Amino acid sequence: MSTPPMSPLWRCRGATYTISGPEALTQVEQARLIGEAIGRPLRFQELNDRETHELWGSWGWSAEDIDLELYVRSEFVQVPAPLGATVGHLLGQPARTFAQWAAEHAAAFR
């Protein structure tokens, strides 16, 4: 990866929103759907803490921020992130599925 991961939190006009799609997916399932979108199988491989610190540190993240993000994300490998209606509320239309998003962005993963 060459860019930092994005947090599911979004801040706008002083409010903080948790952003989610219409389905609860683990990171393993997300990798599978990206693989389907690009026409080849992918597998999810979790970095250990040292590898994550080295990579994200190279992107300018502080050790404290990396530790916090690792803590927050640790359960989402096998357990899906919680769902919410925030996207539909903010945009006035339903959120896209992860498969739709992956298909629309397949070129970025090739």
PDB file of N, CA and C in Angstrom:
ATOM      1  N   MET A   1       0.839  -1.181   0.000  1.00  0.00           N
ATOM      2  CA  MET A   1       0.000   0.000   0.000  1.00  0.00           C
ATOM      3  C   MET A   1       0.881   1.239   0.000  1.00  0.00           C
ATOM      4  N   SER A   2       0.402   2.278  -0.647  1.00  0.00           N
ATOM      5  CA  SER A   2       1.195   3.487  -0.705  1.00  0.00           C
ATOM      6  C   SER A   2       0.520   4.681  -0.044  1.00  0.00           C
ATOM      7  N   THR A   3      -0.696   4.520   0.437  1.00  0.00           N
ATOM      8  CA  THR A   3      -1.385   5.622   1.102  1.00  0.00           C
ATOM      9  C   THR A   3      -1.894   5.168   2.453  1.00  0.00           C
ATOM     10  N   PRO A   4      -2.074   6.104   3.392  1.00  0.00           N
ATOM     11  CA  PRO A   4      -2.547   5.730   4.718  1.00  0.00           C
ATOM     12  C   PRO A   4      -3.977   5.221   4.683  1.00  0.00           C
ATOM     13  N   PRO A   5      -4.335   4.332   5.606  1.00  0.00           N
ATOM     14  CA  PRO A   5      -5.715   3.862   5.679  1.00  0.00           C
ATOM     15  C   PRO A   5      -6.636   4.986   6.134  1.00  0.00           C
ATOM     16  N   MET A   6      -7.872   4.890   5.740  1.00  0.00           N
ATOM     17  CA  MET A   6      -8.848   5.903   6.128  1.00  0.00           C
ATOM     18  C   MET A   6      -9.622   5.434   7.350  1.00  0.00           C
ATOM     19  N   SER A   7      -9.924   6.332   8.219  1.00  0.00           N
ATOM     20  CA  SER A   7     -10.727   6.045   9.387  1.00  0.00           C
ATOM     21  C   SER A   7     -12.196   6.082   9.006  1.00  0.00           C
ATOM     22  N   PRO A   8     -13.046   5.272   9.648  1.00  0.00           N
ATOM     23  CA  PRO A   8     -14.472   5.316   9.351  1.00  0.00           C
ATOM     24  C   PRO A   8     -15.158   6.525   9.992  1.00  0.00           C
ATOM     25  N   LEU A   9     -14.388   7.386  10.658  1.00  0.00           N
ATOM     26  CA  LEU A   9     -14.962   8.586  11.257  1.00  0.00           C
ATOM     27  C   LEU A   9     -14.812   9.744  10.294  1.00  0.00           C
ATOM     28  N   TRP A  10     -15.829  10.557  10.224  1.00  0.00           N
ATOM     29  CA  TRP A  10     -15.831  11.705   9.332  1.00  0.00           C
ATOM     30  C   TRP A  10     -16.330  12.900  10.107  1.00  0.00           C
ATOM     31  N   ARG A  11     -15.635  14.015  10.019  1.00  0.00           N
ATOM     32  CA  ARG A  11     -16.019  15.221  10.744  1.00  0.00           C
ATOM     33  C   ARG A  11     -16.499  16.287   9.761  1.00  0.00           C
ATOM     34  N   CYS A  12     -17.623  16.910  10.102  1.00  0.00           N
ATOM     35  CA  CYS A  12     -18.190  17.944   9.248  1.00  0.00           C
ATOM     36  C   CYS A  12     -18.968  18.928  10.111  1.00  0.00           C
ATOM     37  N   ARG A  13     -18.633  20.185   9.997  1.00  0.00           N
ATOM     38  CA  ARG A  13     -19.350  21.248  10.705  1.00  0.00           C
ATOM     39  C   ARG A  13     -19.482  20.975  12.200  1.00  0.00           C
ATOM     40  N   GLY A  14     -18.393  20.517  12.807  1.00  0.00           N
ATOM     41  CA  GLY A  14     -18.365  20.305  14.240  1.00  0.00           C
ATOM     42  C   GLY A  14     -18.960  18.991  14.721  1.00  0.00           C
ATOM     43  N   ALA A  15     -19.540  18.207  13.840  1.00  0.00           N
ATOM     44  CA  ALA A  15     -20.109  16.910  14.225  1.00  0.00           C
ATOM     45  C   ALA A  15     -19.192  15.792  13.728  1.00  0.00           C
ATOM     46  N   THR A  16     -19.179  14.676  14.435  1.00  0.00           N
ATOM     47  CA  THR A  16     -18.413  13.506  14.028  1.00  0.00           C
ATOM     48  C   THR A  16     -19.378  12.386  13.688  1.00  0.00           C
ATOM     49  N   TYR A  17     -19.202  11.793  12.510  1.00  0.00           N
ATOM     50  CA  TYR A  17     -20.085  10.739  12.037  1.00  0.00           C
ATOM     51  C   TYR A  17     -19.292   9.451  11.841  1.00  0.00           C
ATOM     52  N   THR A  18     -19.914   8.325  12.126  1.00  0.00           N
ATOM     53  CA  THR A  18     -19.345   7.030  11.782  1.00  0.00           C
ATOM     54  C   THR A  18     -19.931   6.642  10.435  1.00  0.00           C
ATOM     55  N   ILE A  19     -19.063   6.438   9.469  1.00  0.00           N
ATOM     56  CA  ILE A  19     -19.487   6.145   8.107  1.00  0.00           C
ATOM     57  C   ILE A  19     -19.452   4.638   7.884  1.00  0.00           C
ATOM     58  N   SER A  20     -20.534   4.103   7.328  1.00  0.00           N
ATOM     59  CA  SER A  20     -20.573   2.677   6.996  1.00  0.00           C
ATOM     60  C   SER A  20     -21.449   2.479   5.774  1.00  0.00           C
ATOM     61  N   GLY A  21     -21.274   1.354   5.142  1.00  0.00           N
ATOM     62  CA  GLY A  21     -22.128   0.990   4.028  1.00  0.00           C
ATOM     63  C   GLY A  21     -23.364   0.257   4.527  1.00  0.00           C
ATOM     64  N   PRO A  22     -24.133  -0.301   3.611  1.00  0.00           N
ATOM     65  CA  PRO A  22     -25.379  -0.946   3.989  1.00  0.00           C
ATOM     66  C   PRO A  22     -25.226  -2.392   4.456  1.00  0.00           C
ATOM     67  N   GLU A  23     -23.988  -2.879   4.510  1.00  0.00           N
ATOM     68  CA  GLU A  23     -23.770  -4.270   4.898  1.00  0.00           C
ATOM     69  C   GLU A  23     -22.577  -4.368   5.839  1.00  0.00           C
ATOM     70  N   ALA A  24     -22.616  -5.351   6.706  1.00  0.00           N
ATOM     71  CA  ALA A  24     -21.525  -5.568   7.659  1.00  0.00           C
ATOM     72  C   ALA A  24     -20.574  -6.604   7.073  1.00  0.00           C
ATOM     73  N   LEU A  25     -19.337  -6.193   6.797  1.00  0.00           N
ATOM     74  CA  LEU A  25     -18.341  -7.078   6.196  1.00  0.00           C
ATOM     75  C   LEU A  25     -17.063  -7.067   7.015  1.00  0.00           C
ATOM     76  N   THR A  26     -16.433  -8.222   7.119  1.00  0.00           N
ATOM     77  CA  THR A  26     -15.112  -8.279   7.725  1.00  0.00           C
ATOM     78  C   THR A  26     -14.091  -7.821   6.689  1.00  0.00           C
ATOM     79  N   GLN A  27     -12.872  -7.583   7.115  1.00  0.00           N
ATOM     80  CA  GLN A  27     -11.824  -7.211   6.179  1.00  0.00           C
ATOM     81  C   GLN A  27     -11.512  -8.364   5.228  1.00  0.00           C
ATOM     82  N   VAL A  28     -11.664  -9.591   5.695  1.00  0.00           N
ATOM     83  CA  VAL A  28     -11.462 -10.764   4.845  1.00  0.00           C
ATOM     84  C   VAL A  28     -12.495 -10.757   3.718  1.00  0.00           C
ATOM     85  N   GLU A  29     -13.757 -10.469   4.050  1.00  0.00           N
ATOM     86  CA  GLU A  29     -14.813 -10.404   3.032  1.00  0.00           C
ATOM     87  C   GLU A  29     -14.591  -9.247   2.066  1.00  0.00           C
ATOM     88  N   GLN A  30     -14.095  -8.122   2.565  1.00  0.00           N
ATOM     89  CA  GLN A  30     -13.801  -6.983   1.698  1.00  0.00           C
ATOM     90  C   GLN A  30     -12.718  -7.348   0.681  1.00  0.00           C
ATOM     91  N   ALA A  31     -11.683  -8.042   1.116  1.00  0.00           N
ATOM     92  CA  ALA A  31     -10.623  -8.474   0.197  1.00  0.00           C
ATOM     93  C   ALA A  31     -11.187  -9.409  -0.866  1.00  0.00           C
ATOM     94  N   ARG A  32     -12.085 -10.297  -0.472  1.00  0.00           N
ATOM     95  CA  ARG A  32     -12.707 -11.213  -1.437  1.00  0.00           C
ATOM     96  C   ARG A  32     -13.488 -10.430  -2.487  1.00  0.00           C
ATOM     97  N   LEU A  33     -14.265  -9.423  -2.072  1.00  0.00           N
ATOM     98  CA  LEU A  33     -15.061  -8.629  -3.010  1.00  0.00           C
ATOM     99  C   LEU A  33     -14.193  -7.786  -3.941  1.00  0.00           C
ATOM    100  N   ILE A  34     -13.083  -7.274  -3.448  1.00  0.00           N
ATOM    101  CA  ILE A  34     -12.155  -6.549  -4.328  1.00  0.00           C
ATOM    102  C   ILE A  34     -11.578  -7.522  -5.352  1.00  0.00           C
ATOM    103  N   GLY A  35     -11.235  -8.723  -4.911  1.00  0.00           N
ATOM    104  CA  GLY A  35     -10.738  -9.741  -5.835  1.00  0.00           C
ATOM    105  C   GLY A  35     -11.746 -10.067  -6.926  1.00  0.00           C
ATOM    106  N   GLU A  36     -13.014 -10.183  -6.554  1.00  0.00           N
ATOM    107  CA  GLU A  36     -14.052 -10.430  -7.560  1.00  0.00           C
ATOM    108  C   GLU A  36     -14.148  -9.271  -8.542  1.00  0.00           C
ATOM    109  N   ALA A  37     -14.006  -8.047  -8.047  1.00  0.00           N
ATOM    110  CA  ALA A  37     -14.102  -6.869  -8.908  1.00  0.00           C
ATOM    111  C   ALA A  37     -12.960  -6.797  -9.917  1.00  0.00           C
ATOM    112  N   ILE A  38     -11.775  -7.280  -9.536  1.00  0.00           N
ATOM    113  CA  ILE A  38     -10.626  -7.205 -10.452  1.00  0.00           C
ATOM    114  C   ILE A  38     -10.380  -8.515 -11.188  1.00  0.00           C
ATOM    115  N   GLY A  39     -11.207  -9.519 -10.890  1.00  0.00           N
ATOM    116  CA  GLY A  39     -11.133 -10.765 -11.644  1.00  0.00           C
ATOM    117  C   GLY A  39     -10.028 -11.713 -11.232  1.00  0.00           C
ATOM    118  N   ARG A  40      -9.533 -11.578 -10.004  1.00  0.00           N
ATOM    119  CA  ARG A  40      -8.543 -12.545  -9.512  1.00  0.00           C
ATOM    120  C   ARG A  40      -8.678 -12.646  -7.995  1.00  0.00           C
ATOM    121  N   PRO A  41      -8.413 -13.813  -7.465  1.00  0.00           N
ATOM    122  CA  PRO A  41      -8.571 -13.971  -6.014  1.00  0.00           C
ATOM    123  C   PRO A  41      -7.514 -13.205  -5.231  1.00  0.00           C
ATOM    124  N   LEU A  42      -7.941 -12.620  -4.136  1.00  0.00           N
ATOM    125  CA  LEU A  42      -7.051 -11.943  -3.202  1.00  0.00           C
ATOM    126  C   LEU A  42      -7.200 -12.594  -1.840  1.00  0.00           C
ATOM    127  N   ARG A  43      -6.205 -12.421  -1.017  1.00  0.00           N
ATOM    128  CA  ARG A  43      -6.333 -12.874   0.365  1.00  0.00           C
ATOM    129  C   ARG A  43      -5.948 -11.730   1.277  1.00  0.00           C
ATOM    130  N   PHE A  44      -6.556 -11.706   2.426  1.00  0.00           N
ATOM    131  CA  PHE A  44      -6.260 -10.683   3.416  1.00  0.00           C
ATOM    132  C   PHE A  44      -5.097 -11.170   4.253  1.00  0.00           C
ATOM    133  N   GLN A  45      -4.075 -10.362   4.391  1.00  0.00           N
ATOM    134  CA  GLN A  45      -2.928 -10.707   5.227  1.00  0.00           C
ATOM    135  C   GLN A  45      -2.696  -9.570   6.202  1.00  0.00           C
ATOM    136  N   GLU A  46      -2.884  -9.851   7.466  1.00  0.00           N
ATOM    137  CA  GLU A  46      -2.734  -8.834   8.495  1.00  0.00           C
ATOM    138  C   GLU A  46      -1.256  -8.606   8.789  1.00  0.00           C
ATOM    139  N   LEU A  47      -0.867  -7.325   8.893  1.00  0.00           N
ATOM    140  CA  LEU A  47       0.489  -6.983   9.308  1.00  0.00           C
ATOM    141  C   LEU A  47       0.590  -7.112  10.818  1.00  0.00           C
ATOM    142  N   ASN A  48       1.756  -7.508  11.306  1.00  0.00           N
ATOM    143  CA  ASN A  48       1.924  -7.500  12.757  1.00  0.00           C
ATOM    144  C   ASN A  48       2.172  -6.056  13.203  1.00  0.00           C
ATOM    145  N   ASP A  49       2.185  -5.833  14.507  1.00  0.00           N
ATOM    146  CA  ASP A  49       2.312  -4.469  15.023  1.00  0.00           C
ATOM    147  C   ASP A  49       3.600  -3.787  14.561  1.00  0.00           C
ATOM    148  N   ARG A  50       4.705  -4.508  14.539  1.00  0.00           N
ATOM    149  CA  ARG A  50       5.981  -3.918  14.112  1.00  0.00           C
ATOM    150  C   ARG A  50       5.905  -3.486  12.654  1.00  0.00           C
ATOM    151  N   GLU A  51       5.377  -4.359  11.791  1.00  0.00           N
ATOM    152  CA  GLU A  51       5.257  -4.026  10.369  1.00  0.00           C
ATOM    153  C   GLU A  51       4.334  -2.819  10.162  1.00  0.00           C
ATOM    154  N   THR A  52       3.253  -2.783  10.918  1.00  0.00           N
ATOM    155  CA  THR A  52       2.311  -1.664  10.809  1.00  0.00           C
ATOM    156  C   THR A  52       2.970  -0.366  11.255  1.00  0.00           C
ATOM    157  N   HIS A  53       3.708  -0.411  12.352  1.00  0.00           N
ATOM    158  CA  HIS A  53       4.403   0.790  12.826  1.00  0.00           C
ATOM    159  C   HIS A  53       5.411   1.275  11.788  1.00  0.00           C
ATOM    160  N   GLU A  54       6.139   0.366  11.171  1.00  0.00           N
ATOM    161  CA  GLU A  54       7.122   0.756  10.159  1.00  0.00           C
ATOM    162  C   GLU A  54       6.440   1.402   8.952  1.00  0.00           C
ATOM    163  N   LEU A  55       5.370   0.760   8.453  1.00  0.00           N
ATOM    164  CA  LEU A  55       4.699   1.266   7.256  1.00  0.00           C
ATOM    165  C   LEU A  55       3.986   2.577   7.533  1.00  0.00           C
ATOM    166  N   TRP A  56       3.128   2.616   8.525  1.00  0.00           N
ATOM    167  CA  TRP A  56       2.358   3.830   8.797  1.00  0.00           C
ATOM    168  C   TRP A  56       3.255   4.944   9.311  1.00  0.00           C
ATOM    169  N   GLY A  57       4.315   4.583  10.027  1.00  0.00           N
ATOM    170  CA  GLY A  57       5.283   5.586  10.460  1.00  0.00           C
ATOM    171  C   GLY A  57       5.940   6.254   9.256  1.00  0.00           C
ATOM    172  N   SER A  58       6.161   5.474   8.181  1.00  0.00           N
ATOM    173  CA  SER A  58       6.745   6.048   6.966  1.00  0.00           C
ATOM    174  C   SER A  58       5.788   7.022   6.288  1.00  0.00           C
ATOM    175  N   TRP A  59       4.507   6.939   6.613  1.00  0.00           N
ATOM    176  CA  TRP A  59       3.512   7.877   6.081  1.00  0.00           C
ATOM    177  C   TRP A  59       3.363   9.100   6.977  1.00  0.00           C
ATOM    178  N   GLY A  60       4.124   9.146   8.081  1.00  0.00           N
ATOM    179  CA  GLY A  60       4.078  10.300   8.964  1.00  0.00           C
ATOM    180  C   GLY A  60       3.195  10.158  10.188  1.00  0.00           C
ATOM    181  N   TRP A  61       2.639   8.970  10.404  1.00  0.00           N
ATOM    182  CA  TRP A  61       1.797   8.751  11.580  1.00  0.00           C
ATOM    183  C   TRP A  61       2.677   8.692  12.819  1.00  0.00           C
ATOM    184  N   SER A  62       2.181   9.213  13.927  1.00  0.00           N
ATOM    185  CA  SER A  62       2.904   9.102  15.203  1.00  0.00           C
ATOM    186  C   SER A  62       2.674   7.710  15.784  1.00  0.00           C
ATOM    187  N   ALA A  63       3.578   7.266  16.641  1.00  0.00           N
ATOM    188  CA  ALA A  63       3.437   5.948  17.285  1.00  0.00           C
ATOM    189  C   ALA A  63       2.144   5.868  18.080  1.00  0.00           C
ATOM    190  N   GLU A  64       1.769   6.971  18.734  1.00  0.00           N
ATOM    191  CA  GLU A  64       0.538   6.987  19.526  1.00  0.00           C
ATOM    192  C   GLU A  64      -0.691   6.818  18.641  1.00  0.00           C
ATOM    193  N   ASP A  65      -0.706   7.503  17.495  1.00  0.00           N
ATOM    194  CA  ASP A  65      -1.838   7.377  16.573  1.00  0.00           C
ATOM    195  C   ASP A  65      -1.917   5.969  15.991  1.00  0.00           C
ATOM    196  N   ILE A  66      -0.781   5.387  15.692  1.00  0.00           N
ATOM    197  CA  ILE A  66      -0.767   4.022  15.161  1.00  0.00           C
ATOM    198  C   ILE A  66      -1.313   3.057  16.200  1.00  0.00           C
ATOM    199  N   ASP A  67      -0.865   3.182  17.448  1.00  0.00           N
ATOM    200  CA  ASP A  67      -1.362   2.298  18.509  1.00  0.00           C
ATOM    201  C   ASP A  67      -2.873   2.422  18.667  1.00  0.00           C
ATOM    202  N   LEU A  68      -3.393   3.646  18.628  1.00  0.00           N
ATOM    203  CA  LEU A  68      -4.831   3.853  18.762  1.00  0.00           C
ATOM    204  C   LEU A  68      -5.576   3.222  17.592  1.00  0.00           C
ATOM    205  N   GLU A  69      -5.106   3.453  16.386  1.00  0.00           N
ATOM    206  CA  GLU A  69      -5.760   2.890  15.203  1.00  0.00           C
ATOM    207  C   GLU A  69      -5.710   1.364  15.220  1.00  0.00           C
ATOM    208  N   LEU A  70      -4.592   0.781  15.632  1.00  0.00           N
ATOM    209  CA  LEU A  70      -4.495  -0.673  15.752  1.00  0.00           C
ATOM    210  C   LEU A  70      -5.510  -1.209  16.751  1.00  0.00           C
ATOM    211  N   TYR A  71      -5.658  -0.518  17.869  1.00  0.00           N
ATOM    212  CA  TYR A  71      -6.627  -0.932  18.881  1.00  0.00           C
ATOM    213  C   TYR A  71      -8.049  -0.883  18.317  1.00  0.00           C
ATOM    214  N   VAL A  72      -8.386   0.214  17.651  1.00  0.00           N
ATOM    215  CA  VAL A  72      -9.737   0.391  17.120  1.00  0.00           C
ATOM    216  C   VAL A  72     -10.039  -0.646  16.042  1.00  0.00           C
ATOM    217  N   ARG A  73      -9.076  -0.907  15.166  1.00  0.00           N
ATOM    218  CA  ARG A  73      -9.301  -1.798  14.029  1.00  0.00           C
ATOM    219  C   ARG A  73      -9.104  -3.283  14.343  1.00  0.00           C
ATOM    220  N   SER A  74      -8.544  -3.616  15.476  1.00  0.00           N
ATOM    221  CA  SER A  74      -8.151  -4.996  15.748  1.00  0.00           C
ATOM    222  C   SER A  74      -9.292  -5.993  15.636  1.00  0.00           C
ATOM    223  N   GLU A  75     -10.475  -5.619  16.011  1.00  0.00           N
ATOM    224  CA  GLU A  75     -11.565  -6.588  15.969  1.00  0.00           C
ATOM    225  C   GLU A  75     -12.211  -6.707  14.600  1.00  0.00           C
ATOM    226  N   PHE A  76     -11.957  -5.761  13.685  1.00  0.00           N
ATOM    227  CA  PHE A  76     -12.642  -5.782  12.404  1.00  0.00           C
ATOM    228  C   PHE A  76     -12.065  -6.778  11.400  1.00  0.00           C
ATOM    229  N   VAL A  77     -10.996  -7.463  11.749  1.00  0.00           N
ATOM    230  CA  VAL A  77     -10.466  -8.490  10.850  1.00  0.00           C
ATOM    231  C   VAL A  77     -11.478  -9.617  10.721  1.00  0.00           C
ATOM    232  N   GLN A  78     -12.007 -10.095  11.832  1.00  0.00           N
ATOM    233  CA  GLN A  78     -12.957 -11.200  11.814  1.00  0.00           C
ATOM    234  C   GLN A  78     -14.384 -10.778  12.169  1.00  0.00           C
ATOM    235  N   VAL A  79     -14.554  -9.590  12.753  1.00  0.00           N
ATOM    236  CA  VAL A  79     -15.871  -9.107  13.159  1.00  0.00           C
ATOM    237  C   VAL A  79     -16.184  -7.865  12.334  1.00  0.00           C
ATOM    238  N   PRO A  80     -17.345  -7.808  11.681  1.00  0.00           N
ATOM    239  CA  PRO A  80     -17.659  -6.628  10.872  1.00  0.00           C
ATOM    240  C   PRO A  80     -17.794  -5.363  11.712  1.00  0.00           C
ATOM    241  N   ALA A  81     -17.505  -4.238  11.079  1.00  0.00           N
ATOM    242  CA  ALA A  81     -17.727  -2.941  11.719  1.00  0.00           C
ATOM    243  C   ALA A  81     -19.228  -2.731  11.876  1.00  0.00           C
ATOM    244  N   PRO A  82     -19.637  -1.946  12.858  1.00  0.00           N
ATOM    245  CA  PRO A  82     -21.069  -1.712  13.053  1.00  0.00           C
ATOM    246  C   PRO A  82     -21.682  -0.928  11.895  1.00  0.00           C
ATOM    247  N   LEU A  83     -22.967  -1.163  11.654  1.00  0.00           N
ATOM    248  CA  LEU A  83     -23.687  -0.463  10.593  1.00  0.00           C
ATOM    249  C   LEU A  83     -24.366   0.777  11.142  1.00  0.00           C
ATOM    250  N   GLY A  84     -24.654   1.695  10.260  1.00  0.00           N
ATOM    251  CA  GLY A  84     -25.394   2.893  10.626  1.00  0.00           C
ATOM    252  C   GLY A  84     -26.062   3.476   9.403  1.00  0.00           C
ATOM    253  N   ALA A  85     -26.971   4.403   9.612  1.00  0.00           N
ATOM    254  CA  ALA A  85     -27.709   5.029   8.515  1.00  0.00           C
ATOM    255  C   ALA A  85     -27.158   6.405   8.165  1.00  0.00           C
ATOM    256  N   THR A  86     -25.960   6.720   8.621  1.00  0.00           N
ATOM    257  CA  THR A  86     -25.396   8.054   8.453  1.00  0.00           C
ATOM    258  C   THR A  86     -25.264   8.461   6.990  1.00  0.00           C
ATOM    259  N   VAL A  87     -24.769   7.579   6.142  1.00  0.00           N
ATOM    260  CA  VAL A  87     -24.551   7.929   4.731  1.00  0.00           C
ATOM    261  C   VAL A  87     -25.870   8.320   4.080  1.00  0.00           C
ATOM    262  N   GLY A  88     -26.886   7.512   4.257  1.00  0.00           N
ATOM    263  CA  GLY A  88     -28.191   7.830   3.686  1.00  0.00           C
ATOM    264  C   GLY A  88     -28.748   9.128   4.223  1.00  0.00           C
ATOM    265  N   HIS A  89     -28.545   9.370   5.497  1.00  0.00           N
ATOM    266  CA  HIS A  89     -29.023  10.609   6.115  1.00  0.00           C
ATOM    267  C   HIS A  89     -28.299  11.824   5.545  1.00  0.00           C
ATOM    268  N   LEU A  90     -26.982  11.727   5.409  1.00  0.00           N
ATOM    269  CA  LEU A  90     -26.194  12.870   4.929  1.00  0.00           C
ATOM    270  C   LEU A  90     -26.354  13.121   3.432  1.00  0.00           C
ATOM    271  N   LEU A  91     -26.452  12.038   2.649  1.00  0.00           N
ATOM    272  CA  LEU A  91     -26.494  12.182   1.194  1.00  0.00           C
ATOM    273  C   LEU A  91     -27.900  12.180   0.619  1.00  0.00           C
ATOM    274  N   GLY A  92     -28.871  11.726   1.410  1.00  0.00           N
ATOM    275  CA  GLY A  92     -30.235  11.657   0.908  1.00  0.00           C
ATOM    276  C   GLY A  92     -30.457  10.509  -0.054  1.00  0.00           C
ATOM    277  N   GLN A  93     -29.546   9.547  -0.056  1.00  0.00           N
ATOM    278  CA  GLN A  93     -29.680   8.350  -0.897  1.00  0.00           C
ATOM    279  C   GLN A  93     -28.951   7.217  -0.207  1.00  0.00           C
ATOM    280  N   PRO A  94     -29.331   5.973  -0.495  1.00  0.00           N
ATOM    281  CA  PRO A  94     -28.685   4.848   0.181  1.00  0.00           C
ATOM    282  C   PRO A  94     -27.199   4.745  -0.151  1.00  0.00           C
ATOM    283  N   ALA A  95     -26.447   4.228   0.795  1.00  0.00           N
ATOM    284  CA  ALA A  95     -25.023   3.960   0.570  1.00  0.00           C
ATOM    285  C   ALA A  95     -24.878   2.828  -0.440  1.00  0.00           C
ATOM    286  N   ARG A  96     -23.790   2.868  -1.192  1.00  0.00           N
ATOM    287  CA  ARG A  96     -23.487   1.775  -2.119  1.00  0.00           C
ATOM    288  C   ARG A  96     -22.998   0.569  -1.337  1.00  0.00           C
ATOM    289  N   THR A  97     -23.167  -0.613  -1.893  1.00  0.00           N
ATOM    290  CA  THR A  97     -22.593  -1.803  -1.280  1.00  0.00           C
ATOM    291  C   THR A  97     -21.086  -1.785  -1.501  1.00  0.00           C
ATOM    292  N   PHE A  98     -20.370  -2.570  -0.737  1.00  0.00           N
ATOM    293  CA  PHE A  98     -18.924  -2.656  -0.910  1.00  0.00           C
ATOM    294  C   PHE A  98     -18.598  -3.215  -2.291  1.00  0.00           C
ATOM    295  N   ALA A  99     -19.382  -4.182  -2.760  1.00  0.00           N
ATOM    296  CA  ALA A  99     -19.152  -4.760  -4.089  1.00  0.00           C
ATOM    297  C   ALA A  99     -19.312  -3.696  -5.175  1.00  0.00           C
ATOM    298  N   GLN A 100     -20.310  -2.818  -5.030  1.00  0.00           N
ATOM    299  CA  GLN A 100     -20.487  -1.729  -5.999  1.00  0.00           C
ATOM    300  C   GLN A 100     -19.278  -0.793  -5.966  1.00  0.00           C
ATOM    301  N   TRP A 101     -18.857  -0.426  -4.761  1.00  0.00           N
ATOM    302  CA  TRP A 101     -17.707   0.462  -4.613  1.00  0.00           C
ATOM    303  C   TRP A 101     -16.454  -0.179  -5.215  1.00  0.00           C
ATOM    304  N   ALA A 102     -16.230  -1.471  -4.920  1.00  0.00           N
ATOM    305  CA  ALA A 102     -15.051  -2.168  -5.434  1.00  0.00           C
ATOM    306  C   ALA A 102     -15.070  -2.212  -6.961  1.00  0.00           C
ATOM    307  N   ALA A 103     -16.230  -2.482  -7.551  1.00  0.00           N
ATOM    308  CA  ALA A 103     -16.331  -2.519  -9.012  1.00  0.00           C
ATOM    309  C   ALA A 103     -16.016  -1.155  -9.615  1.00  0.00           C
ATOM    310  N   GLU A 104     -16.517  -0.085  -8.987  1.00  0.00           N
ATOM    311  CA  GLU A 104     -16.281   1.274  -9.479  1.00  0.00           C
ATOM    312  C   GLU A 104     -14.816   1.694  -9.346  1.00  0.00           C
ATOM    313  N   HIS A 105     -14.090   1.094  -8.421  1.00  0.00           N
ATOM    314  CA  HIS A 105     -12.696   1.474  -8.164  1.00  0.00           C
ATOM    315  C   HIS A 105     -11.715   0.342  -8.501  1.00  0.00           C
ATOM    316  N   ALA A 106     -12.146  -0.626  -9.284  1.00  0.00           N
ATOM    317  CA  ALA A 106     -11.311  -1.787  -9.601  1.00  0.00           C
ATOM    318  C   ALA A 106      -9.969  -1.393 -10.200  1.00  0.00           C
ATOM    319  N   ALA A 107      -9.941  -0.371 -11.025  1.00  0.00           N
ATOM    320  CA  ALA A 107      -8.686   0.044 -11.667  1.00  0.00           C
ATOM    321  C   ALA A 107      -7.630   0.425 -10.634  1.00  0.00           C
ATOM    322  N   ALA A 108      -8.042   0.956  -9.496  1.00  0.00           N
ATOM    323  CA  ALA A 108      -7.089   1.356  -8.453  1.00  0.00           C
ATOM    324  C   ALA A 108      -6.432   0.154  -7.796  1.00  0.00           C
ATOM    325  N   PHE A 109      -7.039  -1.024  -7.924  1.00  0.00           N
ATOM    326  CA  PHE A 109      -6.506  -2.236  -7.286  1.00  0.00           C
ATOM    327  C   PHE A 109      -5.742  -3.132  -8.245  1.00  0.00           C
ATOM    328  N   ARG A 110      -5.690  -2.778  -9.500  1.00  0.00           N
ATOM    329  CA  ARG A 110      -4.999  -3.621 -10.490  1.00  0.00           C
ATOM    330  C   ARG A 110      -3.529  -3.298 -10.525  1.00  0.00           C
TER     331      ARG A 110
END
